[in-house]
């Protein structure tokens, strides 16, 4: 119990310390790469969802067309 309290107080003290600026620069190449990767990921997930939904619906519609109403001649 005492160790947990110490870790909690130490964590709060660490979070209360002032934050220094990083002065980092991300060039346009890295930004475009990150944007392209994000766009690819979102597209892949979207196409996977569409594929999993569209294929069964397509088979269901094709099955209904081929059966059609029976003509009694």
N, C-alpha and C. Protein backbone atom coordinates (compact mmCIF):
# COMPACT_ATOMS: atom_id res chain seq x y z
N UNK A 1 0.84 -1.19 0.00
CA UNK A 1 0.00 0.00 0.00
C UNK A 1 0.88 1.25 0.00
N UNK A 2 1.95 1.17 0.72
CA UNK A 2 2.84 2.32 0.84
C UNK A 2 3.55 2.61 -0.48
N UNK A 3 3.94 1.53 -1.20
CA UNK A 3 4.60 1.68 -2.49
C UNK A 3 3.65 2.31 -3.51
N UNK A 4 2.40 1.92 -3.50
CA UNK A 4 1.40 2.47 -4.41
C UNK A 4 1.21 3.96 -4.16
N UNK A 5 1.18 4.35 -2.89
CA UNK A 5 1.04 5.76 -2.55
C UNK A 5 2.25 6.55 -3.02
N UNK A 6 3.44 5.98 -2.85
CA UNK A 6 4.66 6.63 -3.29
C UNK A 6 4.66 6.81 -4.81
N UNK A 7 4.23 5.78 -5.54
CA UNK A 7 4.20 5.87 -7.00
C UNK A 7 3.19 6.94 -7.44
N UNK A 8 2.06 7.02 -6.75
CA UNK A 8 1.06 8.04 -7.07
C UNK A 8 1.59 9.44 -6.84
N UNK A 9 2.26 9.67 -5.71
CA UNK A 9 2.80 10.99 -5.41
C UNK A 9 3.93 11.33 -6.39
N UNK A 10 4.77 10.36 -6.70
CA UNK A 10 5.86 10.59 -7.64
C UNK A 10 5.32 10.91 -9.03
N UNK A 11 4.25 10.24 -9.43
CA UNK A 11 3.65 10.51 -10.74
C UNK A 11 3.07 11.92 -10.80
N UNK A 12 2.40 12.33 -9.75
CA UNK A 12 1.85 13.69 -9.71
C UNK A 12 2.95 14.74 -9.72
N UNK A 13 4.02 14.47 -9.01
CA UNK A 13 5.14 15.41 -8.99
C UNK A 13 5.78 15.52 -10.37
N UNK A 14 5.89 14.39 -11.07
CA UNK A 14 6.47 14.38 -12.42
C UNK A 14 5.59 15.15 -13.39
N UNK A 15 4.27 14.98 -13.26
CA UNK A 15 3.35 15.68 -14.15
C UNK A 15 3.30 17.17 -13.87
N UNK A 16 3.65 17.58 -12.68
CA UNK A 16 3.61 18.99 -12.32
C UNK A 16 4.86 19.74 -12.79
N UNK A 17 5.88 19.03 -13.23
CA UNK A 17 7.10 19.70 -13.71
C UNK A 17 6.81 20.49 -14.98
N UNK A 18 7.50 21.60 -15.17
CA UNK A 18 7.27 22.38 -16.39
C UNK A 18 7.76 21.63 -17.62
N UNK A 19 7.07 21.84 -18.72
CA UNK A 19 7.41 21.17 -19.97
C UNK A 19 8.24 22.11 -20.83
N UNK A 20 9.35 21.60 -21.36
CA UNK A 20 10.20 22.40 -22.24
C UNK A 20 9.76 22.21 -23.68
N UNK A 21 9.94 23.23 -24.49
CA UNK A 21 9.58 23.14 -25.90
C UNK A 21 10.56 22.23 -26.62
N UNK A 22 10.08 21.52 -27.63
CA UNK A 22 10.92 20.57 -28.35
C UNK A 22 11.62 21.22 -29.54
N UNK A 23 11.03 22.22 -30.14
CA UNK A 23 11.57 22.87 -31.33
C UNK A 23 11.88 21.85 -32.42
N UNK A 24 10.95 20.99 -32.69
CA UNK A 24 11.12 19.97 -33.71
C UNK A 24 10.52 20.45 -35.02
N UNK A 25 11.07 19.98 -36.12
CA UNK A 25 10.57 20.34 -37.44
C UNK A 25 10.21 19.06 -38.18
N UNK A 26 9.00 19.02 -38.68
CA UNK A 26 8.58 17.91 -39.51
C UNK A 26 8.46 18.46 -40.92
N UNK A 27 9.27 17.94 -41.81
CA UNK A 27 9.28 18.43 -43.18
C UNK A 27 8.04 18.02 -43.95
N UNK A 28 7.86 18.59 -45.12
CA UNK A 28 6.67 18.27 -45.92
C UNK A 28 6.65 16.82 -46.38
N UNK A 29 7.80 16.22 -46.57
CA UNK A 29 7.85 14.82 -46.99
C UNK A 29 7.28 13.89 -45.94
N UNK A 30 7.61 14.13 -44.69
CA UNK A 30 7.09 13.30 -43.61
C UNK A 30 5.60 13.51 -43.43
N UNK A 31 5.15 14.73 -43.58
CA UNK A 31 3.72 15.03 -43.45
C UNK A 31 2.91 14.37 -44.57
N UNK A 32 3.42 14.44 -45.80
CA UNK A 32 2.73 13.79 -46.92
C UNK A 32 2.74 12.28 -46.78
N UNK A 33 3.82 11.74 -46.27
CA UNK A 33 3.88 10.29 -46.05
C UNK A 33 2.87 9.85 -45.00
N UNK A 34 2.77 10.61 -43.92
CA UNK A 34 1.80 10.28 -42.88
C UNK A 34 0.38 10.42 -43.41
N UNK A 35 0.12 11.45 -44.19
CA UNK A 35 -1.21 11.65 -44.77
C UNK A 35 -1.55 10.54 -45.75
N UNK A 36 -0.59 10.14 -46.56
CA UNK A 36 -0.81 9.04 -47.51
C UNK A 36 -1.06 7.72 -46.81
N UNK A 37 -0.32 7.47 -45.74
CA UNK A 37 -0.52 6.24 -44.98
C UNK A 37 -1.89 6.22 -44.33
N UNK A 38 -2.30 7.33 -43.77
CA UNK A 38 -3.62 7.42 -43.14
C UNK A 38 -4.72 7.23 -44.18
N UNK A 39 -4.58 7.85 -45.34
CA UNK A 39 -5.57 7.70 -46.40
C UNK A 39 -5.64 6.26 -46.88
N UNK A 40 -4.50 5.61 -47.01
CA UNK A 40 -4.47 4.21 -47.44
C UNK A 40 -5.14 3.30 -46.41
N UNK A 41 -4.87 3.56 -45.14
CA UNK A 41 -5.48 2.74 -44.08
C UNK A 41 -6.99 2.90 -44.06
N UNK A 42 -7.47 4.14 -44.15
CA UNK A 42 -8.91 4.38 -44.15
C UNK A 42 -9.55 3.76 -45.38
N UNK A 43 -8.91 3.87 -46.54
CA UNK A 43 -9.45 3.27 -47.77
C UNK A 43 -9.50 1.76 -47.68
N UNK A 44 -8.45 1.14 -47.14
CA UNK A 44 -8.42 -0.32 -47.02
C UNK A 44 -9.52 -0.81 -46.09
N UNK A 45 -9.72 -0.13 -44.98
CA UNK A 45 -10.77 -0.52 -44.04
C UNK A 45 -12.14 -0.33 -44.69
N UNK A 46 -12.34 0.78 -45.39
CA UNK A 46 -13.61 1.03 -46.07
C UNK A 46 -13.91 0.00 -47.14
N UNK A 47 -12.91 -0.33 -47.97
CA UNK A 47 -13.12 -1.33 -49.00
C UNK A 47 -13.35 -2.72 -48.42
N UNK A 48 -12.71 -3.03 -47.31
CA UNK A 48 -12.95 -4.32 -46.66
C UNK A 48 -14.39 -4.41 -46.16
N UNK A 49 -14.88 -3.35 -45.57
CA UNK A 49 -16.27 -3.35 -45.09
C UNK A 49 -17.23 -3.47 -46.26
N UNK A 50 -17.00 -2.71 -47.32
CA UNK A 50 -17.86 -2.78 -48.50
C UNK A 50 -17.81 -4.18 -49.11
N UNK A 51 -16.64 -4.78 -49.17
CA UNK A 51 -16.51 -6.13 -49.73
C UNK A 51 -17.25 -7.16 -48.90
N UNK A 52 -17.16 -7.08 -47.61
CA UNK A 52 -17.84 -8.04 -46.75
C UNK A 52 -19.35 -7.87 -46.78
N UNK A 53 -19.82 -6.66 -47.06
CA UNK A 53 -21.27 -6.43 -47.11
C UNK A 53 -21.80 -6.65 -48.52
N UNK A 54 -21.10 -6.16 -49.54
CA UNK A 54 -21.61 -6.19 -50.89
C UNK A 54 -21.67 -7.59 -51.48
N UNK A 55 -20.70 -8.42 -51.24
CA UNK A 55 -20.66 -9.75 -51.85
C UNK A 55 -21.86 -10.61 -51.46
N UNK A 56 -22.22 -10.72 -50.19
CA UNK A 56 -23.43 -11.50 -49.86
C UNK A 56 -24.71 -10.90 -50.43
N UNK A 57 -24.80 -9.57 -50.45
CA UNK A 57 -25.99 -8.93 -51.02
C UNK A 57 -26.07 -9.23 -52.51
N UNK A 58 -24.94 -9.19 -53.20
CA UNK A 58 -24.90 -9.47 -54.63
C UNK A 58 -25.32 -10.91 -54.92
N UNK A 59 -24.84 -11.85 -54.12
CA UNK A 59 -25.25 -13.26 -54.29
C UNK A 59 -26.73 -13.43 -54.02
N UNK A 60 -27.26 -12.76 -53.03
CA UNK A 60 -28.68 -12.86 -52.70
C UNK A 60 -29.53 -12.32 -53.85
N UNK A 61 -29.14 -11.18 -54.41
CA UNK A 61 -29.90 -10.60 -55.52
C UNK A 61 -29.79 -11.47 -56.77
N UNK A 62 -28.65 -12.03 -57.04
CA UNK A 62 -28.47 -12.90 -58.20
C UNK A 62 -29.30 -14.17 -58.04
N UNK A 63 -29.37 -14.71 -56.82
CA UNK A 63 -30.17 -15.90 -56.57
C UNK A 63 -31.65 -15.64 -56.78
N UNK A 64 -32.13 -14.48 -56.43
CA UNK A 64 -33.54 -14.14 -56.61
C UNK A 64 -33.87 -13.97 -58.09
N UNK A 65 -32.95 -13.39 -58.87
CA UNK A 65 -33.18 -13.18 -60.29
C UNK A 65 -33.26 -14.51 -61.03
N UNK A 66 -32.36 -15.42 -60.73
CA UNK A 66 -32.30 -16.68 -61.48
C UNK A 66 -33.50 -17.57 -61.19
N UNK A 67 -34.02 -17.55 -59.97
CA UNK A 67 -35.17 -18.38 -59.64
C UNK A 67 -36.43 -17.86 -60.33
N UNK A 68 -36.74 -16.62 -60.08
CA UNK A 68 -37.89 -15.98 -60.72
C UNK A 68 -39.19 -16.71 -60.44
N UNK A 69 -40.30 -16.19 -60.92
CA UNK A 69 -41.58 -16.86 -60.71
C UNK A 69 -41.72 -18.06 -61.63
N UNK A 70 -42.29 -19.13 -61.12
CA UNK A 70 -42.46 -20.35 -61.91
C UNK A 70 -43.70 -20.22 -62.78
N UNK A 71 -43.54 -20.56 -64.04
CA UNK A 71 -44.69 -20.53 -64.95
C UNK A 71 -45.26 -21.94 -65.07
N UNK A 72 -46.52 -22.10 -64.88
CA UNK A 72 -47.12 -23.43 -64.92
C UNK A 72 -47.76 -23.72 -66.26
N UNK A 73 -46.96 -24.23 -67.22
CA UNK A 73 -47.50 -24.56 -68.55
C UNK A 73 -47.67 -26.04 -68.68
